Amino acid sequence: EKGTKERYAKTYKGQPLKKPRYLGAIKPAWFFRSANQTIEPQLERIYIEEIDKTIQKINNNKQ
């Protein structure tokens, strides 16, 4: 409870800090595993490649 309230209390110039949108869009591999789904290695590899591409795009946009 206490930690959560402290986290939400952190603001920047009076505005609550917003999580970058892309973080919500990317579901990590463990998310699917925890849902009791088995991922074929090939699909998992493609999935990881897609995440890498997305991260590269994000980093390029920052520059």
PDB file of N, CA and C in Angstrom:
ATOM      1  N   GLU A   1       0.832  -1.212   0.000  1.00  0.00           N
ATOM      2  CA  GLU A   1       0.000   0.000   0.000  1.00  0.00           C
ATOM      3  C   GLU A   1       0.864   1.259   0.000  1.00  0.00           C
ATOM      4  N   LYS A   2       1.760   1.337   0.992  1.00  0.00           N
ATOM      5  CA  LYS A   2       2.565   2.548   1.141  1.00  0.00           C
ATOM      6  C   LYS A   2       3.404   2.811  -0.106  1.00  0.00           C
ATOM      7  N   GLY A   3       4.081   1.754  -0.595  1.00  0.00           N
ATOM      8  CA  GLY A   3       4.940   1.909  -1.766  1.00  0.00           C
ATOM      9  C   GLY A   3       4.168   2.362  -2.987  1.00  0.00           C
ATOM     10  N   THR A   4       2.960   1.811  -3.150  1.00  0.00           N
ATOM     11  CA  THR A   4       2.148   2.153  -4.317  1.00  0.00           C
ATOM     12  C   THR A   4       1.785   3.632  -4.299  1.00  0.00           C
ATOM     13  N   LYS A   5       1.341   4.112  -3.145  1.00  0.00           N
ATOM     14  CA  LYS A   5       0.948   5.519  -3.046  1.00  0.00           C
ATOM     15  C   LYS A   5       2.134   6.429  -3.329  1.00  0.00           C
ATOM     16  N   GLU A   6       3.308   6.040  -2.826  1.00  0.00           N
ATOM     17  CA  GLU A   6       4.505   6.858  -3.063  1.00  0.00           C
ATOM     18  C   GLU A   6       4.822   6.918  -4.549  1.00  0.00           C
ATOM     19  N   ARG A   7       4.640   5.779  -5.228  1.00  0.00           N
ATOM     20  CA  ARG A   7       4.937   5.731  -6.653  1.00  0.00           C
ATOM     21  C   ARG A   7       4.003   6.660  -7.427  1.00  0.00           C
ATOM     22  N   TYR A   8       2.713   6.597  -7.095  1.00  0.00           N
ATOM     23  CA  TYR A   8       1.751   7.432  -7.814  1.00  0.00           C
ATOM     24  C   TYR A   8       1.897   8.903  -7.457  1.00  0.00           C
ATOM     25  N   ALA A   9       2.508   9.156  -6.310  1.00  0.00           N
ATOM     26  CA  ALA A   9       2.668  10.545  -5.877  1.00  0.00           C
ATOM     27  C   ALA A   9       3.756  11.260  -6.667  1.00  0.00           C
ATOM     28  N   LYS A  10       4.673  10.474  -7.270  1.00  0.00           N
ATOM     29  CA  LYS A  10       5.763  11.093  -8.029  1.00  0.00           C
ATOM     30  C   LYS A  10       5.205  11.780  -9.266  1.00  0.00           C
ATOM     31  N   THR A  11       5.471  13.059  -9.359  1.00  0.00           N
ATOM     32  CA  THR A  11       4.987  13.803 -10.517  1.00  0.00           C
ATOM     33  C   THR A  11       6.106  14.640 -11.101  1.00  0.00           C
ATOM     34  N   TYR A  12       5.885  15.095 -12.327  1.00  0.00           N
ATOM     35  CA  TYR A  12       6.841  15.977 -12.987  1.00  0.00           C
ATOM     36  C   TYR A  12       6.124  17.275 -13.290  1.00  0.00           C
ATOM     37  N   LYS A  13       6.561  18.365 -12.668  1.00  0.00           N
ATOM     38  CA  LYS A  13       5.926  19.670 -12.838  1.00  0.00           C
ATOM     39  C   LYS A  13       4.414  19.589 -12.619  1.00  0.00           C
ATOM     40  N   GLY A  14       4.008  18.842 -11.598  1.00  0.00           N
ATOM     41  CA  GLY A  14       2.591  18.750 -11.274  1.00  0.00           C
ATOM     42  C   GLY A  14       1.815  17.745 -12.103  1.00  0.00           C
ATOM     43  N   GLN A  15       2.443  17.216 -13.162  1.00  0.00           N
ATOM     44  CA  GLN A  15       1.751  16.222 -13.996  1.00  0.00           C
ATOM     45  C   GLN A  15       2.206  14.828 -13.582  1.00  0.00           C
ATOM     46  N   PRO A  16       1.274  13.887 -13.429  1.00  0.00           N
ATOM     47  CA  PRO A  16       1.678  12.518 -13.103  1.00  0.00           C
ATOM     48  C   PRO A  16       2.575  11.961 -14.210  1.00  0.00           C
ATOM     49  N   LEU A  17       3.579  11.199 -13.804  1.00  0.00           N
ATOM     50  CA  LEU A  17       4.461  10.594 -14.798  1.00  0.00           C
ATOM     51  C   LEU A  17       3.683   9.546 -15.585  1.00  0.00           C
ATOM     52  N   LYS A  18       3.774   9.614 -16.902  1.00  0.00           N
ATOM     53  CA  LYS A  18       3.077   8.640 -17.736  1.00  0.00           C
ATOM     54  C   LYS A  18       4.060   7.597 -18.222  1.00  0.00           C
ATOM     55  N   LYS A  19       3.605   6.349 -18.212  1.00  0.00           N
ATOM     56  CA  LYS A  19       4.448   5.304 -18.780  1.00  0.00           C
ATOM     57  C   LYS A  19       4.462   5.475 -20.291  1.00  0.00           C
ATOM     58  N   PRO A  20       5.611   5.247 -20.923  1.00  0.00           N
ATOM     59  CA  PRO A  20       5.617   5.293 -22.386  1.00  0.00           C
ATOM     60  C   PRO A  20       4.631   4.269 -22.935  1.00  0.00           C
ATOM     61  N   ARG A  21       3.900   4.651 -23.972  1.00  0.00           N
ATOM     62  CA  ARG A  21       2.854   3.790 -24.505  1.00  0.00           C
ATOM     63  C   ARG A  21       3.368   2.440 -24.980  1.00  0.00           C
ATOM     64  N   TYR A  22       4.565   2.450 -25.600  1.00  0.00           N
ATOM     65  CA  TYR A  22       5.051   1.218 -26.207  1.00  0.00           C
ATOM     66  C   TYR A  22       5.299   0.118 -25.181  1.00  0.00           C
ATOM     67  N   LEU A  23       5.578   0.488 -23.922  1.00  0.00           N
ATOM     68  CA  LEU A  23       5.836  -0.543 -22.917  1.00  0.00           C
ATOM     69  C   LEU A  23       4.605  -1.405 -22.692  1.00  0.00           C
ATOM     70  N   GLY A  24       3.430  -0.786 -22.770  1.00  0.00           N
ATOM     71  CA  GLY A  24       2.209  -1.545 -22.565  1.00  0.00           C
ATOM     72  C   GLY A  24       1.903  -2.460 -23.733  1.00  0.00           C
ATOM     73  N   ALA A  25       2.414  -2.102 -24.906  1.00  0.00           N
ATOM     74  CA  ALA A  25       2.095  -2.875 -26.101  1.00  0.00           C
ATOM     75  C   ALA A  25       2.933  -4.143 -26.197  1.00  0.00           C
ATOM     76  N   ILE A  26       4.131  -4.104 -25.644  1.00  0.00           N
ATOM     77  CA  ILE A  26       5.019  -5.267 -25.749  1.00  0.00           C
ATOM     78  C   ILE A  26       4.763  -6.207 -24.579  1.00  0.00           C
ATOM     79  N   LYS A  27       4.372  -7.425 -24.892  1.00  0.00           N
ATOM     80  CA  LYS A  27       4.203  -8.428 -23.848  1.00  0.00           C
ATOM     81  C   LYS A  27       5.443  -9.318 -23.847  1.00  0.00           C
ATOM     82  N   PRO A  28       6.152  -9.405 -22.727  1.00  0.00           N
ATOM     83  CA  PRO A  28       7.347 -10.236 -22.695  1.00  0.00           C
ATOM     84  C   PRO A  28       7.014 -11.719 -22.811  1.00  0.00           C
ATOM     85  N   ALA A  29       8.022 -12.515 -23.171  1.00  0.00           N
ATOM     86  CA  ALA A  29       7.804 -13.944 -23.395  1.00  0.00           C
ATOM     87  C   ALA A  29       7.260 -14.629 -22.139  1.00  0.00           C
ATOM     88  N   TRP A  30       7.725 -14.193 -20.957  1.00  0.00           N
ATOM     89  CA  TRP A  30       7.255 -14.859 -19.742  1.00  0.00           C
ATOM     90  C   TRP A  30       5.767 -14.628 -19.514  1.00  0.00           C
ATOM     91  N   PHE A  31       5.227 -13.570 -20.093  1.00  0.00           N
ATOM     92  CA  PHE A  31       3.797 -13.292 -19.943  1.00  0.00           C
ATOM     93  C   PHE A  31       2.979 -14.425 -20.549  1.00  0.00           C
ATOM     94  N   PHE A  32       3.426 -14.890 -21.724  1.00  0.00           N
ATOM     95  CA  PHE A  32       2.704 -15.964 -22.388  1.00  0.00           C
ATOM     96  C   PHE A  32       2.933 -17.294 -21.689  1.00  0.00           C
ATOM     97  N   ARG A  33       4.151 -17.486 -21.186  1.00  0.00           N
ATOM     98  CA  ARG A  33       4.441 -18.738 -20.492  1.00  0.00           C
ATOM     99  C   ARG A  33       3.598 -18.839 -19.227  1.00  0.00           C
ATOM    100  N   SER A  34       3.431 -17.712 -18.552  1.00  0.00           N
ATOM    101  CA  SER A  34       2.699 -17.743 -17.291  1.00  0.00           C
ATOM    102  C   SER A  34       1.213 -17.998 -17.526  1.00  0.00           C
ATOM    103  N   ALA A  35       0.765 -17.813 -18.769  1.00  0.00           N
ATOM    104  CA  ALA A  35      -0.636 -18.083 -19.091  1.00  0.00           C
ATOM    105  C   ALA A  35      -0.822 -19.547 -19.484  1.00  0.00           C
ATOM    106  N   ASN A  36       0.154 -20.392 -19.106  1.00  0.00           N
ATOM    107  CA  ASN A  36       0.111 -21.823 -19.392  1.00  0.00           C
ATOM    108  C   ASN A  36       0.021 -22.120 -20.879  1.00  0.00           C
ATOM    109  N   GLN A  37       0.664 -21.283 -21.684  1.00  0.00           N
ATOM    110  CA  GLN A  37       0.722 -21.549 -23.116  1.00  0.00           C
ATOM    111  C   GLN A  37       2.147 -21.942 -23.456  1.00  0.00           C
ATOM    112  N   THR A  38       2.273 -22.959 -24.296  1.00  0.00           N
ATOM    113  CA  THR A  38       3.614 -23.335 -24.721  1.00  0.00           C
ATOM    114  C   THR A  38       3.888 -22.657 -26.050  1.00  0.00           C
ATOM    115  N   ILE A  39       5.033 -22.033 -26.150  1.00  0.00           N
ATOM    116  CA  ILE A  39       5.402 -21.347 -27.380  1.00  0.00           C
ATOM    117  C   ILE A  39       6.392 -22.221 -28.137  1.00  0.00           C
ATOM    118  N   GLU A  40       6.127 -22.443 -29.397  1.00  0.00           N
ATOM    119  CA  GLU A  40       7.090 -23.185 -30.203  1.00  0.00           C
ATOM    120  C   GLU A  40       8.346 -22.336 -30.328  1.00  0.00           C
ATOM    121  N   PRO A  41       9.526 -22.983 -30.261  1.00  0.00           N
ATOM    122  CA  PRO A  41      10.787 -22.225 -30.304  1.00  0.00           C
ATOM    123  C   PRO A  41      10.868 -21.266 -31.488  1.00  0.00           C
ATOM    124  N   GLN A  42      10.370 -21.694 -32.649  1.00  0.00           N
ATOM    125  CA  GLN A  42      10.444 -20.840 -33.832  1.00  0.00           C
ATOM    126  C   GLN A  42       9.621 -19.571 -33.624  1.00  0.00           C
ATOM    127  N   LEU A  43       8.409 -19.739 -33.114  1.00  0.00           N
ATOM    128  CA  LEU A  43       7.552 -18.576 -32.873  1.00  0.00           C
ATOM    129  C   LEU A  43       8.184 -17.658 -31.839  1.00  0.00           C
ATOM    130  N   GLU A  44       8.770 -18.268 -30.811  1.00  0.00           N
ATOM    131  CA  GLU A  44       9.390 -17.467 -29.759  1.00  0.00           C
ATOM    132  C   GLU A  44      10.550 -16.658 -30.333  1.00  0.00           C
ATOM    133  N   ARG A  45      11.326 -17.267 -31.224  1.00  0.00           N
ATOM    134  CA  ARG A  45      12.466 -16.576 -31.829  1.00  0.00           C
ATOM    135  C   ARG A  45      11.978 -15.387 -32.655  1.00  0.00           C
ATOM    136  N   ILE A  46      10.931 -15.601 -33.455  1.00  0.00           N
ATOM    137  CA  ILE A  46      10.362 -14.519 -34.266  1.00  0.00           C
ATOM    138  C   ILE A  46       9.864 -13.403 -33.344  1.00  0.00           C
ATOM    139  N   TYR A  47       9.216 -13.818 -32.259  1.00  0.00           N
ATOM    140  CA  TYR A  47       8.657 -12.855 -31.316  1.00  0.00           C
ATOM    141  C   TYR A  47       9.757 -11.978 -30.716  1.00  0.00           C
ATOM    142  N   ILE A  48      10.864 -12.629 -30.313  1.00  0.00           N
ATOM    143  CA  ILE A  48      11.980 -11.891 -29.719  1.00  0.00           C
ATOM    144  C   ILE A  48      12.595 -10.951 -30.747  1.00  0.00           C
ATOM    145  N   GLU A  49      12.688 -11.404 -32.004  1.00  0.00           N
ATOM    146  CA  GLU A  49      13.219 -10.541 -33.067  1.00  0.00           C
ATOM    147  C   GLU A  49      12.349  -9.297 -33.223  1.00  0.00           C
ATOM    148  N   GLU A  50      11.031  -9.487 -33.147  1.00  0.00           N
ATOM    149  CA  GLU A  50      10.117  -8.345 -33.280  1.00  0.00           C
ATOM    150  C   GLU A  50      10.335  -7.342 -32.150  1.00  0.00           C
ATOM    151  N   ILE A  51      10.528  -7.853 -30.941  1.00  0.00           N
ATOM    152  CA  ILE A  51      10.780  -6.970 -29.795  1.00  0.00           C
ATOM    153  C   ILE A  51      12.076  -6.196 -30.021  1.00  0.00           C
ATOM    154  N   ASP A  52      13.110  -6.915 -30.509  1.00  0.00           N
ATOM    155  CA  ASP A  52      14.392  -6.248 -30.772  1.00  0.00           C
ATOM    156  C   ASP A  52      14.225  -5.127 -31.788  1.00  0.00           C
ATOM    157  N   LYS A  53      13.456  -5.399 -32.861  1.00  0.00           N
ATOM    158  CA  LYS A  53      13.225  -4.384 -33.895  1.00  0.00           C
ATOM    159  C   LYS A  53      12.526  -3.168 -33.291  1.00  0.00           C
ATOM    160  N   THR A  54      11.523  -3.449 -32.459  1.00  0.00           N
ATOM    161  CA  THR A  54      10.756  -2.362 -31.845  1.00  0.00           C
ATOM    162  C   THR A  54      11.657  -1.508 -30.962  1.00  0.00           C
ATOM    163  N   ILE A  55      12.503  -2.162 -30.172  1.00  0.00           N
ATOM    164  CA  ILE A  55      13.409  -1.434 -29.282  1.00  0.00           C
ATOM    165  C   ILE A  55      14.382  -0.593 -30.100  1.00  0.00           C
ATOM    166  N   GLN A  56      14.866  -1.145 -31.214  1.00  0.00           N
ATOM    167  CA  GLN A  56      15.778  -0.386 -32.074  1.00  0.00           C
ATOM    168  C   GLN A  56      15.086   0.858 -32.621  1.00  0.00           C
ATOM    169  N   LYS A  57      13.821   0.694 -33.047  1.00  0.00           N
ATOM    170  CA  LYS A  57      13.061   1.839 -33.570  1.00  0.00           C
ATOM    171  C   LYS A  57      12.944   2.923 -32.501  1.00  0.00           C
ATOM    172  N   ILE A  58      12.623   2.489 -31.285  1.00  0.00           N
ATOM    173  CA  ILE A  58      12.454   3.435 -30.178  1.00  0.00           C
ATOM    174  C   ILE A  58      13.762   4.179 -29.930  1.00  0.00           C
ATOM    175  N   ASN A  59      14.875   3.428 -29.914  1.00  0.00           N
ATOM    176  CA  ASN A  59      16.175   4.056 -29.672  1.00  0.00           C
ATOM    177  C   ASN A  59      16.545   5.014 -30.795  1.00  0.00           C
ATOM    178  N   ASN A  60      16.198   4.658 -32.035  1.00  0.00           N
ATOM    179  CA  ASN A  60      16.491   5.538 -33.163  1.00  0.00           C
ATOM    180  C   ASN A  60      15.690   6.830 -33.064  1.00  0.00           C
ATOM    181  N   ASN A  61      14.448   6.713 -32.595  1.00  0.00           N
ATOM    182  CA  ASN A  61      13.603   7.900 -32.470  1.00  0.00           C
ATOM    183  C   ASN A  61      14.131   8.851 -31.402  1.00  0.00           C
ATOM    184  N   LYS A  62      14.781   8.288 -30.393  1.00  0.00           N
ATOM    185  CA  LYS A  62      15.310   9.121 -29.316  1.00  0.00           C
ATOM    186  C   LYS A  62      16.480   9.960 -29.804  1.00  0.00           C
ATOM    187  N   GLN A  63      17.244   9.423 -30.757  1.00  0.00           N
ATOM    188  CA  GLN A  63      18.442  10.129 -31.225  1.00  0.00           C
ATOM    189  C   GLN A  63      18.077  11.356 -32.034  1.00  0.00           C
TER     190      GLN A  63
END
